[in-house]
Amino acid sequence: MRATNIRRTILDILERAQPYALPESQLVVELNGALRPAVGAAEFDQEILFLQTRRYITTVPDPLDDQLVKWAITEAGLTMLRQ
């Protein structure tokens, strides 16, 4: 149940950020503001991998900082939210 809540919350946050991609650090801050207890790094990485593997989210390169990880929701992720 917690994994499902984390995944849905990540998708909700990224949907609200559209049309922009969110830096990973901002995504973590917003996720931990929405869920209690806070999501740990290993838990976050596991759920990000789950969503990315299913192509619900994707990374977006930053044109000025190739070290910055940004996330965006995909069409598949939007479809999943509407179900």
N, C-alpha and C. Protein backbone atom coordinates (compact mmCIF):
# COMPACT_ATOMS: atom_id res chain seq x y z
N MET A 1 0.81 -1.20 0.00
CA MET A 1 0.00 0.00 0.00
C MET A 1 0.86 1.27 0.00
N ARG A 2 1.94 1.27 0.77
CA ARG A 2 2.80 2.46 0.81
C ARG A 2 3.44 2.70 -0.54
N ALA A 3 3.90 1.64 -1.19
CA ALA A 3 4.52 1.80 -2.51
C ALA A 3 3.53 2.42 -3.49
N THR A 4 2.29 1.98 -3.45
CA THR A 4 1.26 2.54 -4.32
C THR A 4 1.05 4.01 -4.03
N ASN A 5 1.02 4.39 -2.76
CA ASN A 5 0.85 5.80 -2.38
C ASN A 5 2.02 6.65 -2.86
N ILE A 6 3.22 6.11 -2.74
CA ILE A 6 4.41 6.85 -3.19
C ILE A 6 4.34 7.04 -4.71
N ARG A 7 4.03 5.99 -5.42
CA ARG A 7 3.97 6.06 -6.90
C ARG A 7 2.92 7.06 -7.35
N ARG A 8 1.73 6.97 -6.78
CA ARG A 8 0.65 7.88 -7.18
C ARG A 8 1.01 9.33 -6.84
N THR A 9 1.62 9.54 -5.70
CA THR A 9 2.00 10.89 -5.29
C THR A 9 3.06 11.46 -6.24
N ILE A 10 4.03 10.64 -6.62
CA ILE A 10 5.04 11.09 -7.58
C ILE A 10 4.36 11.50 -8.89
N LEU A 11 3.45 10.67 -9.38
CA LEU A 11 2.75 10.99 -10.63
C LEU A 11 1.92 12.27 -10.48
N ASP A 12 1.25 12.42 -9.34
CA ASP A 12 0.45 13.63 -9.10
C ASP A 12 1.33 14.89 -9.11
N ILE A 13 2.47 14.80 -8.44
CA ILE A 13 3.38 15.95 -8.37
C ILE A 13 3.88 16.31 -9.77
N LEU A 14 4.28 15.31 -10.54
CA LEU A 14 4.79 15.57 -11.89
C LEU A 14 3.70 16.06 -12.82
N GLU A 15 2.48 15.61 -12.62
CA GLU A 15 1.37 16.11 -13.43
C GLU A 15 1.15 17.61 -13.17
N ARG A 16 1.17 17.99 -11.90
CA ARG A 16 0.98 19.40 -11.56
C ARG A 16 2.11 20.29 -12.08
N ALA A 17 3.29 19.72 -12.25
CA ALA A 17 4.45 20.49 -12.71
C ALA A 17 4.42 20.74 -14.22
N GLN A 18 3.58 20.01 -14.92
CA GLN A 18 3.55 20.18 -16.38
C GLN A 18 3.31 21.61 -16.78
N PRO A 19 3.92 22.10 -17.80
CA PRO A 19 4.70 21.40 -18.82
C PRO A 19 6.19 21.31 -18.47
N TYR A 20 6.54 21.54 -17.24
CA TYR A 20 7.94 21.54 -16.83
C TYR A 20 8.34 20.21 -16.22
N ALA A 21 9.62 19.92 -16.29
CA ALA A 21 10.20 18.78 -15.58
C ALA A 21 10.70 19.28 -14.23
N LEU A 22 10.60 18.44 -13.22
CA LEU A 22 11.05 18.82 -11.88
C LEU A 22 12.43 18.25 -11.58
N PRO A 23 13.32 19.06 -11.04
CA PRO A 23 14.58 18.51 -10.55
C PRO A 23 14.29 17.46 -9.47
N GLU A 24 15.10 16.42 -9.44
CA GLU A 24 14.88 15.34 -8.48
C GLU A 24 14.82 15.86 -7.04
N SER A 25 15.68 16.82 -6.71
CA SER A 25 15.69 17.34 -5.34
C SER A 25 14.35 17.99 -4.99
N GLN A 26 13.74 18.69 -5.92
CA GLN A 26 12.43 19.31 -5.68
C GLN A 26 11.34 18.26 -5.57
N LEU A 27 11.43 17.23 -6.40
CA LEU A 27 10.46 16.13 -6.33
C LEU A 27 10.49 15.47 -4.95
N VAL A 28 11.68 15.25 -4.43
CA VAL A 28 11.82 14.63 -3.10
C VAL A 28 11.20 15.53 -2.03
N VAL A 29 11.47 16.83 -2.09
CA VAL A 29 10.92 17.78 -1.12
C VAL A 29 9.39 17.74 -1.16
N GLU A 30 8.82 17.80 -2.35
CA GLU A 30 7.36 17.79 -2.47
C GLU A 30 6.77 16.46 -2.04
N LEU A 31 7.44 15.37 -2.37
CA LEU A 31 6.97 14.04 -1.97
C LEU A 31 6.95 13.91 -0.46
N ASN A 32 8.02 14.35 0.19
CA ASN A 32 8.08 14.25 1.65
C ASN A 32 7.16 15.25 2.34
N GLY A 33 6.77 16.30 1.65
CA GLY A 33 5.77 17.20 2.19
C GLY A 33 4.37 16.61 2.13
N ALA A 34 4.18 15.66 1.25
CA ALA A 34 2.85 15.07 1.05
C ALA A 34 2.66 13.77 1.81
N LEU A 35 3.74 13.07 2.13
CA LEU A 35 3.62 11.75 2.76
C LEU A 35 4.31 11.70 4.12
N ARG A 36 3.73 10.94 5.00
CA ARG A 36 4.31 10.66 6.31
C ARG A 36 4.22 9.18 6.58
N PRO A 37 5.25 8.54 7.08
CA PRO A 37 6.57 9.10 7.33
C PRO A 37 7.26 9.45 6.01
N ALA A 38 8.30 10.25 6.12
CA ALA A 38 9.05 10.68 4.94
C ALA A 38 9.59 9.47 4.18
N VAL A 39 9.76 9.65 2.90
CA VAL A 39 10.26 8.60 2.02
C VAL A 39 11.78 8.60 2.06
N GLY A 40 12.38 7.46 2.37
CA GLY A 40 13.83 7.34 2.40
C GLY A 40 14.41 7.26 1.00
N ALA A 41 15.72 7.43 0.90
CA ALA A 41 16.40 7.43 -0.40
C ALA A 41 16.24 6.09 -1.13
N ALA A 42 16.40 4.99 -0.43
CA ALA A 42 16.27 3.67 -1.07
C ALA A 42 14.84 3.43 -1.55
N GLU A 43 13.89 3.84 -0.74
CA GLU A 43 12.48 3.70 -1.10
C GLU A 43 12.14 4.57 -2.32
N PHE A 44 12.65 5.80 -2.33
CA PHE A 44 12.45 6.70 -3.45
C PHE A 44 13.02 6.10 -4.73
N ASP A 45 14.26 5.64 -4.66
CA ASP A 45 14.92 5.06 -5.84
C ASP A 45 14.16 3.86 -6.37
N GLN A 46 13.65 3.03 -5.47
CA GLN A 46 12.90 1.84 -5.87
C GLN A 46 11.62 2.21 -6.61
N GLU A 47 10.90 3.20 -6.12
CA GLU A 47 9.63 3.58 -6.76
C GLU A 47 9.86 4.37 -8.05
N ILE A 48 10.92 5.17 -8.10
CA ILE A 48 11.28 5.85 -9.35
C ILE A 48 11.61 4.82 -10.42
N LEU A 49 12.38 3.80 -10.06
CA LEU A 49 12.73 2.75 -11.00
C LEU A 49 11.48 2.02 -11.50
N PHE A 50 10.55 1.73 -10.59
CA PHE A 50 9.29 1.09 -10.96
C PHE A 50 8.55 1.93 -12.01
N LEU A 51 8.40 3.22 -11.74
CA LEU A 51 7.67 4.11 -12.65
C LEU A 51 8.42 4.30 -13.97
N GLN A 52 9.72 4.40 -13.90
CA GLN A 52 10.51 4.60 -15.12
C GLN A 52 10.50 3.34 -15.98
N THR A 53 10.59 2.18 -15.38
CA THR A 53 10.57 0.91 -16.12
C THR A 53 9.26 0.75 -16.89
N ARG A 54 8.17 1.22 -16.31
CA ARG A 54 6.87 1.13 -16.97
C ARG A 54 6.59 2.33 -17.88
N ARG A 55 7.58 3.22 -17.97
CA ARG A 55 7.52 4.41 -18.83
C ARG A 55 6.41 5.39 -18.43
N TYR A 56 6.13 5.45 -17.14
CA TYR A 56 5.18 6.43 -16.62
C TYR A 56 5.86 7.77 -16.37
N ILE A 57 7.18 7.72 -16.19
CA ILE A 57 7.97 8.94 -16.01
C ILE A 57 9.24 8.80 -16.85
N THR A 58 9.87 9.94 -17.09
CA THR A 58 11.11 9.93 -17.87
C THR A 58 12.03 11.03 -17.37
N THR A 59 13.31 10.86 -17.63
CA THR A 59 14.27 11.92 -17.31
C THR A 59 14.29 12.92 -18.46
N VAL A 60 14.56 14.16 -18.11
CA VAL A 60 14.63 15.24 -19.09
C VAL A 60 15.98 15.92 -18.90
N PRO A 61 16.78 16.01 -19.95
CA PRO A 61 18.09 16.66 -19.80
C PRO A 61 17.94 18.16 -19.59
N ASP A 62 18.83 18.70 -18.79
CA ASP A 62 18.87 20.14 -18.59
C ASP A 62 19.93 20.70 -19.53
N PRO A 63 19.57 21.67 -20.35
CA PRO A 63 20.52 22.18 -21.34
C PRO A 63 21.74 22.89 -20.74
N LEU A 64 21.64 23.32 -19.50
CA LEU A 64 22.75 24.06 -18.89
C LEU A 64 23.53 23.26 -17.86
N ASP A 65 22.97 22.12 -17.41
CA ASP A 65 23.61 21.34 -16.35
C ASP A 65 23.38 19.86 -16.62
N ASP A 66 24.38 19.19 -17.20
CA ASP A 66 24.21 17.78 -17.54
C ASP A 66 24.25 16.86 -16.31
N GLN A 67 24.53 17.41 -15.14
CA GLN A 67 24.52 16.62 -13.91
C GLN A 67 23.16 16.67 -13.19
N LEU A 68 22.30 17.58 -13.63
CA LEU A 68 21.00 17.78 -12.98
C LEU A 68 19.99 16.74 -13.50
N VAL A 69 19.42 15.99 -12.58
CA VAL A 69 18.41 14.99 -12.94
C VAL A 69 17.03 15.64 -12.79
N LYS A 70 16.28 15.65 -13.90
CA LYS A 70 14.92 16.18 -13.89
C LYS A 70 13.95 15.08 -14.32
N TRP A 71 12.76 15.10 -13.74
CA TRP A 71 11.74 14.10 -14.04
C TRP A 71 10.49 14.76 -14.61
N ALA A 72 9.84 14.03 -15.54
CA ALA A 72 8.58 14.48 -16.12
C ALA A 72 7.67 13.28 -16.28
N ILE A 73 6.38 13.54 -16.23
CA ILE A 73 5.39 12.49 -16.44
C ILE A 73 5.22 12.28 -17.95
N THR A 74 4.95 11.05 -18.35
CA THR A 74 4.74 10.73 -19.76
C THR A 74 3.24 10.58 -20.03
N GLU A 75 2.89 10.39 -21.29
CA GLU A 75 1.48 10.13 -21.64
C GLU A 75 0.98 8.88 -20.95
N ALA A 76 1.83 7.86 -20.86
CA ALA A 76 1.44 6.63 -20.17
C ALA A 76 1.17 6.90 -18.69
N GLY A 77 1.96 7.78 -18.09
CA GLY A 77 1.76 8.15 -16.69
C GLY A 77 0.46 8.91 -16.50
N LEU A 78 0.15 9.80 -17.42
CA LEU A 78 -1.12 10.54 -17.36
C LEU A 78 -2.31 9.59 -17.51
N THR A 79 -2.18 8.64 -18.41
CA THR A 79 -3.25 7.65 -18.59
C THR A 79 -3.43 6.83 -17.30
N MET A 80 -2.34 6.46 -16.67
CA MET A 80 -2.43 5.69 -15.42
C MET A 80 -3.13 6.51 -14.34
N LEU A 81 -2.87 7.79 -14.24
CA LEU A 81 -3.53 8.63 -13.24
C LEU A 81 -5.04 8.72 -13.47
N ARG A 82 -5.45 8.67 -14.70
CA ARG A 82 -6.88 8.83 -15.03
C ARG A 82 -7.68 7.56 -14.80
N GLN A 83 -7.00 6.47 -14.53
CA GLN A 83 -7.71 5.18 -14.31
C GLN A 83 -8.25 5.09 -12.90
